[in-house]
Amino acid sequence: MSLEERKRGLTDPELAAAILAAIPDHALDTQRKMDYFVKPRGRRLSEYEALTCYAQPTPDWIPGGLDWGDWTQKFHGGRASWGNETTELKSSDWHHHRDPGRRWHAPYVKDKAEEWRYTERFLTAYSAEGQARTMDPVWRDDVLNQYLGAYCFNEYGLFNAHSSVSRDCLSDTIRVTATFVAFDKNDNAQMIQLERTFLAKIIPGFPESTDEPKKEWTQGSVYRGARETVEQIWQSTYDWNEILFATHMIYDPLFGQFVRREFFQRLASYYGDSLTPFFMNQMQVYFNQTKDCIADLYITCLADDQEFSTFNREIMRAWSQKWLSKTLDALRDFMGIFAKVPRIENVTCGEAVTAAVSRVVDDWIADYANKIDLKVNRDQMVKHILSGLK
């Protein structure tokens, strides 16, 4: 009904004047976006936030959730689709987390495609130039075949550990983060096997099969502690936050960083290997992307939560003590690998290994332990790890 039609329909002049005065001459709300309820982390809503925030309704009894009640679909036995009982940590808003890298499906796939195209060009040039001829035979046939191959199972096990996390976590942005960091771990495993398959094609006799690496992972001593820790993260941990925390706040920044950065990446060039560092560099890119989004989740959002900060920090410190001892044991066992590589002065000697271990421990204390007020004995940690040197 138009304004003139409204005027003609009013018979009481005073009532008409009052009603007309109450009608605004401009729109009360200029917001025309469907996702107005999403609070942006920056000044305006990003594409990442528009596509990942509240993409899946969450019951209103989950902090930050907008939907009413629970879902009609339940697990066998009556367990609800989502529940606060799936984690010990608490949040005033489970939807507060944002990935600083703003990764969602399209840019993630685009990045992977670009990385593969570059990898293909690199491998073509590597093969054409015969660069594999410079590799030390022991490094190539023993270390890359068995021990790098065995690390493939470490990464694949951690990938599988994220399956329950991506199902049980309580917000869309956490789910997207958990899914992509899981895919990165799977990508690490695939790159390791890609390297072994590539070597099998250009070096006669190099085995493509994973039988030897699998035997090393399941029965060997170098990865004994790692194997037990990964199994416990994957199969023996119910809390989805504890799985993510143990993997990306404790185990991978210590054990994973030493294996990738301080062993394979640092030593490869000394044994004439320019192939392995290429793949390790890609893994380190994934590690640093994960580091940023995990810091946002566990430091910015949970450790510094406006209501539950003290409680969450206590839980995180308890988890840290639990998983730190297992991780240090895994690193101690991995020190046995130095007895299996040809000795190089000032590279594989005790002083060089001590420096490498110290770098990893110092980085972890600065980037992780200090952020949750976790007190650790740095020298004791280094000494415990180095006790595995033979």
Protein backbone atom coordinates (compact mmCIF):
# COMPACT_ATOMS: atom_id res chain seq x y z
CA MET A 1 0.00 0.00 0.00
CA SER A 2 1.38 3.39 -0.98
CA LEU A 3 1.66 6.36 1.36
CA GLU A 4 -1.25 8.14 -0.39
CA GLU A 5 -3.44 5.06 -0.05
CA ARG A 6 -2.61 4.91 3.64
CA LYS A 7 -3.62 8.59 4.02
CA ARG A 8 -6.98 8.02 2.34
CA GLY A 9 -7.65 5.05 4.61
CA LEU A 10 -7.28 7.08 7.80
CA THR A 11 -10.42 8.86 9.06
CA ASP A 12 -9.14 10.27 12.37
CA PRO A 13 -6.92 13.29 11.55
CA GLU A 14 -4.99 13.09 14.85
CA LEU A 15 -4.42 9.37 14.49
CA ALA A 16 -3.38 9.84 10.90
CA ALA A 17 -0.90 12.54 11.83
CA ALA A 18 0.60 10.37 14.57
CA ILE A 19 0.96 7.35 12.32
CA LEU A 20 2.45 9.35 9.48
CA ALA A 21 4.97 10.94 11.83
CA ALA A 22 6.10 7.51 12.93
CA ILE A 23 6.84 6.34 9.40
CA PRO A 24 10.57 6.91 8.70
CA ASP A 25 11.60 8.58 5.50
CA HIS A 26 14.62 6.26 5.10
CA ALA A 27 15.43 2.56 5.50
CA LEU A 28 15.99 1.46 9.10
CA ASP A 29 18.51 -1.21 8.06
CA THR A 30 20.85 -1.00 5.10
CA GLN A 31 22.41 -4.43 5.73
CA ARG A 32 21.61 -6.64 2.76
CA LYS A 33 24.04 -9.54 3.28
CA MET A 34 22.75 -12.95 4.32
CA ASP A 35 25.76 -13.61 6.58
CA TYR A 36 25.47 -10.46 8.67
CA PHE A 37 25.64 -12.54 11.87
CA VAL A 38 29.29 -13.47 11.21
CA LYS A 39 31.64 -11.24 13.15
CA PRO A 40 34.67 -10.58 10.90
CA ARG A 41 38.15 -10.82 12.36
CA GLY A 42 39.22 -7.76 10.35
CA ARG A 43 37.40 -4.61 9.30
CA ARG A 44 35.16 -6.41 6.82
CA LEU A 45 34.16 -9.97 6.06
CA SER A 46 36.71 -11.87 3.98
CA GLU A 47 35.85 -14.39 1.29
CA TYR A 48 37.27 -17.12 3.53
CA GLU A 49 34.92 -16.12 6.37
CA ALA A 50 31.90 -15.77 4.12
CA LEU A 51 32.38 -19.30 2.78
CA THR A 52 33.42 -21.16 5.95
CA CYS A 53 31.67 -19.50 8.89
CA TYR A 54 28.36 -21.13 9.85
CA ALA A 55 28.33 -23.21 6.68
CA GLN A 56 27.00 -26.03 8.85
CA PRO A 57 24.42 -25.23 11.57
CA THR A 58 25.55 -25.80 15.13
CA PRO A 59 23.18 -26.29 18.12
CA ASP A 60 22.72 -23.18 20.22
CA TRP A 61 23.98 -24.93 23.35
CA ILE A 62 27.43 -24.98 21.75
CA PRO A 63 28.96 -21.53 22.43
CA GLY A 64 28.62 -19.50 19.27
CA GLY A 65 26.06 -21.84 17.73
CA LEU A 66 22.94 -20.41 16.09
CA ASP A 67 20.66 -23.38 15.50
CA TRP A 68 18.01 -24.50 17.97
CA GLY A 69 18.30 -27.72 19.90
CA ASP A 70 19.90 -30.85 18.47
CA TRP A 71 19.57 -32.87 15.29
CA THR A 72 17.22 -35.76 14.71
CA GLN A 73 20.14 -37.86 13.49
CA LYS A 74 22.15 -39.43 16.30
CA PHE A 75 24.86 -42.01 16.74
CA HIS A 76 24.00 -45.56 17.77
CA GLY A 77 23.16 -45.52 21.46
CA GLY A 78 21.70 -42.02 21.34
CA ARG A 79 24.84 -39.87 21.31
CA ALA A 80 24.08 -36.43 19.90
CA SER A 81 25.61 -35.22 16.63
CA TRP A 82 27.86 -32.77 18.50
CA GLY A 83 28.62 -32.36 22.15
CA ASN A 84 30.68 -30.29 24.57
CA GLU A 85 31.66 -33.54 26.25
CA THR A 86 33.94 -34.39 23.30
CA THR A 87 36.65 -32.07 24.63
CA GLU A 88 38.02 -30.94 27.99
CA LEU A 89 38.70 -27.42 26.74
CA LYS A 90 36.07 -24.69 26.99
CA SER A 91 35.36 -21.67 24.83
CA SER A 92 33.13 -18.63 25.07
CA ASP A 93 32.74 -18.90 21.28
CA TRP A 94 33.89 -21.96 19.35
CA HIS A 95 33.39 -19.99 16.12
CA HIS A 96 36.04 -17.40 17.00
CA HIS A 97 38.91 -19.26 15.28
CA ARG A 98 40.23 -18.06 11.93
CA ASP A 99 42.99 -19.49 9.74
CA PRO A 100 45.46 -16.61 9.18
CA GLY A 101 46.19 -18.16 5.76
CA ARG A 102 42.48 -17.95 4.88
CA ARG A 103 42.57 -21.33 3.23
CA TRP A 104 39.36 -22.80 1.86
CA HIS A 105 38.76 -25.31 -0.93
CA ALA A 106 39.49 -23.25 -4.06
CA PRO A 107 42.81 -21.62 -3.01
CA TYR A 108 43.95 -24.88 -1.41
CA VAL A 109 43.42 -26.82 -4.64
CA LYS A 110 45.00 -24.00 -6.65
CA ASP A 111 48.12 -24.06 -4.46
CA LYS A 112 48.43 -27.85 -4.75
CA ALA A 113 48.09 -27.71 -8.51
CA GLU A 114 50.81 -25.06 -8.77
CA GLU A 115 53.11 -27.09 -6.52
CA TRP A 116 52.63 -30.19 -8.64
CA ARG A 117 53.35 -28.35 -11.90
CA TYR A 118 56.58 -27.01 -10.42
CA THR A 119 57.47 -30.45 -9.02
CA GLU A 120 56.97 -32.00 -12.44
CA ARG A 121 59.31 -29.47 -14.07
CA PHE A 122 61.93 -29.99 -11.35
CA LEU A 123 61.87 -33.79 -11.62
CA THR A 124 62.15 -33.61 -15.41
CA ALA A 125 65.28 -31.45 -15.16
CA TYR A 126 66.72 -33.56 -12.32
CA SER A 127 66.38 -36.72 -14.38
CA ALA A 128 67.67 -35.16 -17.59
CA GLU A 129 70.83 -33.93 -15.90
CA GLY A 130 71.53 -37.21 -14.13
CA GLN A 131 71.80 -35.49 -10.75
CA ALA A 132 71.16 -38.77 -8.93
CA ARG A 133 74.72 -39.84 -9.84
CA THR A 134 76.11 -37.60 -7.10
CA MET A 135 74.28 -39.42 -4.29
CA ASP A 136 76.25 -41.38 -1.71
CA PRO A 137 75.16 -45.05 -2.19
CA VAL A 138 74.61 -45.68 1.54
CA TRP A 139 72.54 -42.53 1.90
CA ARG A 140 70.51 -43.45 -1.18
CA ASP A 141 69.98 -47.18 -0.65
CA ASP A 142 69.68 -47.31 3.14
CA VAL A 143 68.65 -43.90 4.45
CA LEU A 144 66.31 -42.76 1.68
CA ASN A 145 64.92 -46.20 1.01
CA GLN A 146 64.31 -47.38 4.56
CA TYR A 147 64.33 -44.42 6.93
CA LEU A 148 62.81 -41.71 4.76
CA GLY A 149 60.37 -44.35 3.54
CA ALA A 150 59.49 -45.24 7.13
CA TYR A 151 58.79 -41.58 7.90
CA CYS A 152 56.02 -41.83 5.30
CA PHE A 153 54.08 -43.99 7.79
CA ASN A 154 54.56 -41.38 10.51
CA GLU A 155 52.92 -38.73 8.34
CA TYR A 156 50.16 -41.04 7.13
CA GLY A 157 49.36 -42.08 10.69
CA LEU A 158 49.02 -38.44 11.76
CA PHE A 159 46.79 -37.83 8.74
CA ASN A 160 44.44 -40.57 9.92
CA ALA A 161 44.43 -39.19 13.47
CA HIS A 162 42.59 -36.12 12.18
CA SER A 163 39.56 -38.11 11.02
CA SER A 164 37.71 -37.98 14.35
CA VAL A 165 38.77 -34.35 14.84
CA SER A 166 37.14 -33.25 11.60
CA ARG A 167 33.95 -35.02 12.68
CA ASP A 168 33.69 -34.00 16.34
CA CYS A 169 35.03 -30.42 16.39
CA LEU A 170 32.49 -27.76 17.27
CA SER A 171 32.73 -25.15 14.51
CA ASP A 172 33.15 -24.83 10.77
CA THR A 173 36.41 -22.89 10.82
CA ILE A 174 38.05 -25.45 13.13
CA ARG A 175 36.78 -28.21 10.87
CA VAL A 176 38.29 -26.55 7.78
CA THR A 177 41.62 -26.03 9.57
CA ALA A 178 41.74 -29.63 10.83
CA THR A 179 40.87 -31.01 7.41
CA PHE A 180 43.52 -29.05 5.53
CA VAL A 181 46.33 -29.73 8.00
CA ALA A 182 45.36 -33.41 7.73
CA PHE A 183 45.58 -33.26 3.95
CA ASP A 184 49.01 -31.66 4.28
CA LYS A 185 50.17 -34.66 6.30
CA ASN A 186 48.80 -36.99 3.65
CA ASP A 187 50.59 -34.89 1.02
CA ASN A 188 53.85 -35.32 2.96
CA ALA A 189 53.42 -39.09 2.88
CA GLN A 190 52.68 -39.01 -0.84
CA MET A 191 55.72 -36.85 -1.57
CA ILE A 192 57.98 -39.29 0.26
CA GLN A 193 56.67 -42.21 -1.77
CA LEU A 194 56.82 -40.07 -4.91
CA GLU A 195 60.54 -39.52 -4.29
CA ARG A 196 61.13 -43.24 -3.79
CA THR A 197 59.12 -44.12 -6.91
CA PHE A 198 61.02 -41.52 -8.92
CA LEU A 199 64.37 -42.93 -7.76
CA ALA A 200 63.20 -46.42 -8.69
CA LYS A 201 62.60 -45.21 -12.24
CA ILE A 202 66.01 -43.59 -12.72
CA ILE A 203 68.25 -45.83 -10.59
CA PRO A 204 68.37 -49.54 -11.49
CA GLY A 205 67.67 -51.72 -8.49
CA PHE A 206 66.25 -49.03 -6.20
CA PRO A 207 63.09 -50.56 -4.68
CA GLU A 208 59.76 -48.87 -5.23
CA SER A 209 57.95 -51.21 -2.82
CA THR A 210 57.13 -50.00 0.70
CA ASP A 211 57.89 -53.42 2.21
CA GLU A 212 61.29 -52.43 3.64
CA PRO A 213 60.16 -49.03 5.00
CA LYS A 214 57.07 -50.66 6.53
CA LYS A 215 59.22 -53.25 8.28
CA GLU A 216 61.49 -50.48 9.58
CA TRP A 217 58.48 -48.51 10.87
CA THR A 218 56.74 -51.45 12.51
CA GLN A 219 59.74 -53.37 13.84
CA GLY A 220 62.81 -51.12 13.81
CA SER A 221 64.35 -49.29 16.76
CA VAL A 222 64.88 -45.86 15.17
CA TYR A 223 61.15 -45.13 14.94
CA ARG A 224 60.02 -47.18 17.94
CA GLY A 225 59.06 -44.19 20.10
CA ALA A 226 57.53 -42.36 17.15
CA ARG A 227 55.46 -45.38 16.22
CA GLU A 228 54.09 -45.76 19.74
CA THR A 229 53.30 -42.05 20.02
CA VAL A 230 51.51 -41.86 16.68
CA GLU A 231 49.47 -44.95 17.57
CA GLN A 232 48.40 -43.38 20.86
CA ILE A 233 47.47 -40.06 19.24
CA TRP A 234 45.49 -41.83 16.55
CA GLN A 235 43.85 -44.74 18.34
CA SER A 236 43.91 -44.05 22.08
CA THR A 237 42.82 -40.41 22.35
CA TYR A 238 39.13 -39.48 22.49
CA ASP A 239 39.32 -35.71 22.93
CA TRP A 240 39.51 -34.04 19.50
CA ASN A 241 41.32 -31.02 20.92
CA GLU A 242 43.91 -33.23 22.58
CA ILE A 243 44.58 -34.95 19.25
CA LEU A 244 45.18 -31.64 17.49
CA PHE A 245 47.16 -30.24 20.42
CA ALA A 246 49.36 -33.32 20.85
CA THR A 247 50.10 -33.46 17.13
CA HIS A 248 50.68 -29.80 16.30
CA MET A 249 51.71 -28.21 19.60
CA ILE A 250 54.02 -30.98 20.89
CA TYR A 251 54.91 -33.90 18.65
CA ASP A 252 55.35 -32.41 15.19
CA PRO A 253 57.15 -29.19 16.27
CA LEU A 254 59.71 -31.35 18.07
CA PHE A 255 60.00 -34.79 16.45
CA GLY A 256 58.77 -33.78 13.01
CA GLN A 257 60.92 -30.68 12.84
CA PHE A 258 64.07 -32.57 13.78
CA VAL A 259 63.46 -35.36 11.27
CA ARG A 260 62.56 -33.06 8.39
CA ARG A 261 64.68 -29.97 8.95
CA GLU A 262 67.63 -31.06 11.05
CA PHE A 263 68.21 -34.51 9.63
CA PHE A 264 67.01 -35.01 6.05
CA GLN A 265 67.14 -31.41 4.89
CA ARG A 266 70.38 -30.49 6.67
CA LEU A 267 72.34 -33.63 5.83
CA ALA A 268 71.13 -34.41 2.31
CA SER A 269 73.43 -32.03 0.46
CA TYR A 270 76.50 -33.43 2.26
CA TYR A 271 75.72 -36.81 0.71
CA GLY A 272 75.21 -35.39 -2.78
CA ASP A 273 71.41 -35.41 -2.51
CA SER A 274 69.67 -32.36 -3.98
CA LEU A 275 66.37 -34.21 -4.45
CA THR A 276 65.27 -34.72 -0.83
CA PRO A 277 65.62 -31.03 0.18
CA PHE A 278 63.21 -30.10 -2.61
CA PHE A 279 60.46 -32.16 -1.01
CA MET A 280 61.45 -31.22 2.54
CA ASN A 281 61.08 -27.54 1.67
CA GLN A 282 57.49 -28.16 0.57
CA MET A 283 56.81 -29.98 3.84
CA GLN A 284 58.23 -27.04 5.77
CA VAL A 285 55.87 -24.68 3.95
CA TYR A 286 52.97 -26.84 5.16
CA PHE A 287 54.41 -26.91 8.68
CA ASN A 288 54.55 -23.13 8.90
CA GLN A 289 51.03 -22.72 7.52
CA THR A 290 49.83 -25.18 10.16
CA LYS A 291 51.85 -23.40 12.84
CA ASP A 292 49.98 -20.15 12.19
CA CYS A 293 46.47 -21.57 12.27
CA ILE A 294 47.17 -23.79 15.29
CA ALA A 295 48.55 -20.75 17.16
CA ASP A 296 45.34 -18.88 16.41
CA LEU A 297 43.22 -21.75 17.72
CA TYR A 298 45.15 -22.69 20.86
CA ILE A 299 46.79 -19.39 21.80
CA THR A 300 44.60 -16.57 20.49
CA CYS A 301 41.23 -18.29 20.91
CA LEU A 302 41.58 -20.82 23.75
CA ALA A 303 44.60 -19.93 25.89
CA ASP A 304 43.50 -16.28 25.80
CA ASP A 305 39.75 -16.91 25.95
CA GLN A 306 38.03 -14.07 27.80
CA GLU A 307 36.21 -16.46 30.15
CA PHE A 308 38.13 -19.77 30.25
CA SER A 309 41.76 -18.72 29.79
CA THR A 310 43.02 -19.99 33.16
CA PHE A 311 41.18 -23.29 32.88
CA ASN A 312 42.31 -23.95 29.31
CA ARG A 313 45.94 -23.17 30.06
CA GLU A 314 45.92 -25.67 32.93
CA ILE A 315 44.52 -28.39 30.66
CA MET A 316 47.06 -27.57 27.94
CA ARG A 317 49.94 -27.76 30.38
CA ALA A 318 48.69 -31.15 31.61
CA TRP A 319 48.47 -32.40 28.02
CA SER A 320 51.94 -31.01 27.33
CA GLN A 321 53.51 -32.96 30.17
CA LYS A 322 51.77 -36.13 28.99
CA TRP A 323 52.84 -35.89 25.33
CA LEU A 324 56.20 -34.20 25.85
CA SER A 325 57.71 -37.23 27.58
CA LYS A 326 56.54 -39.50 24.75
CA THR A 327 57.91 -37.13 22.11
CA LEU A 328 61.31 -36.84 23.81
CA ASP A 329 61.52 -40.63 23.94
CA ALA A 330 60.72 -40.73 20.21
CA LEU A 331 63.55 -38.27 19.51
CA ARG A 332 65.93 -40.24 21.72
CA ASP A 333 65.21 -43.38 19.69
CA PHE A 334 65.65 -41.49 16.42
CA MET A 335 69.21 -40.52 17.45
CA GLY A 336 70.14 -44.09 16.58
CA ILE A 337 69.96 -43.15 12.91
CA PHE A 338 73.31 -41.33 13.14
CA ALA A 339 75.04 -44.67 13.60
CA LYS A 340 73.66 -45.75 10.23
CA VAL A 341 74.94 -42.89 8.05
CA PRO A 342 78.54 -42.38 6.85
CA ARG A 343 80.31 -40.10 9.31
CA ILE A 344 81.13 -36.58 8.12
CA GLU A 345 83.37 -34.37 10.25
CA ASN A 346 81.56 -31.37 11.77
CA VAL A 347 78.25 -32.57 10.28
CA THR A 348 77.27 -35.81 12.01
CA CYS A 349 79.55 -35.46 15.03
CA GLY A 350 78.23 -35.01 18.55
CA GLU A 351 78.64 -31.24 18.55
CA ALA A 352 76.70 -30.81 15.31
CA VAL A 353 73.88 -33.09 16.47
CA THR A 354 73.73 -31.29 19.81
CA ALA A 355 73.40 -27.97 17.99
CA ALA A 356 70.63 -29.39 15.80
CA VAL A 357 68.68 -30.76 18.78
CA SER A 358 69.14 -27.47 20.63
CA ARG A 359 67.72 -25.49 17.71
CA VAL A 360 64.57 -27.56 17.63
CA VAL A 361 64.08 -27.47 21.41
CA ASP A 362 64.73 -23.71 21.61
CA ASP A 363 62.26 -23.04 18.78
CA TRP A 364 59.61 -25.15 20.48
CA ILE A 365 60.04 -23.41 23.84
CA ALA A 366 59.79 -19.95 22.25
CA ASP A 367 56.92 -20.72 19.88
CA TYR A 368 54.82 -23.11 21.96
CA ALA A 369 55.78 -23.69 25.61
CA ASN A 370 56.17 -20.02 26.55
CA LYS A 371 52.81 -19.16 24.99
CA ILE A 372 50.94 -21.34 27.50
CA ASP A 373 53.24 -20.63 30.48
CA LEU A 374 54.68 -24.14 30.40
CA LYS A 375 57.88 -24.41 32.43
CA VAL A 376 60.40 -26.91 31.08
CA ASN A 377 64.05 -27.68 31.69
CA ARG A 378 65.67 -27.02 28.33
CA ASP A 379 69.04 -28.58 29.15
CA GLN A 380 67.41 -31.68 30.59
CA MET A 381 65.32 -32.09 27.43
CA VAL A 382 68.40 -31.85 25.20
CA LYS A 383 70.35 -34.28 27.39
CA HIS A 384 67.53 -36.83 27.36
CA ILE A 385 67.31 -36.73 23.56
CA LEU A 386 71.07 -37.01 23.07
CA SER A 387 71.24 -40.04 25.35
CA GLY A 388 70.11 -42.02 22.29
CA LEU A 389 73.32 -41.30 20.38
CA LYS A 390 75.43 -44.41 19.88
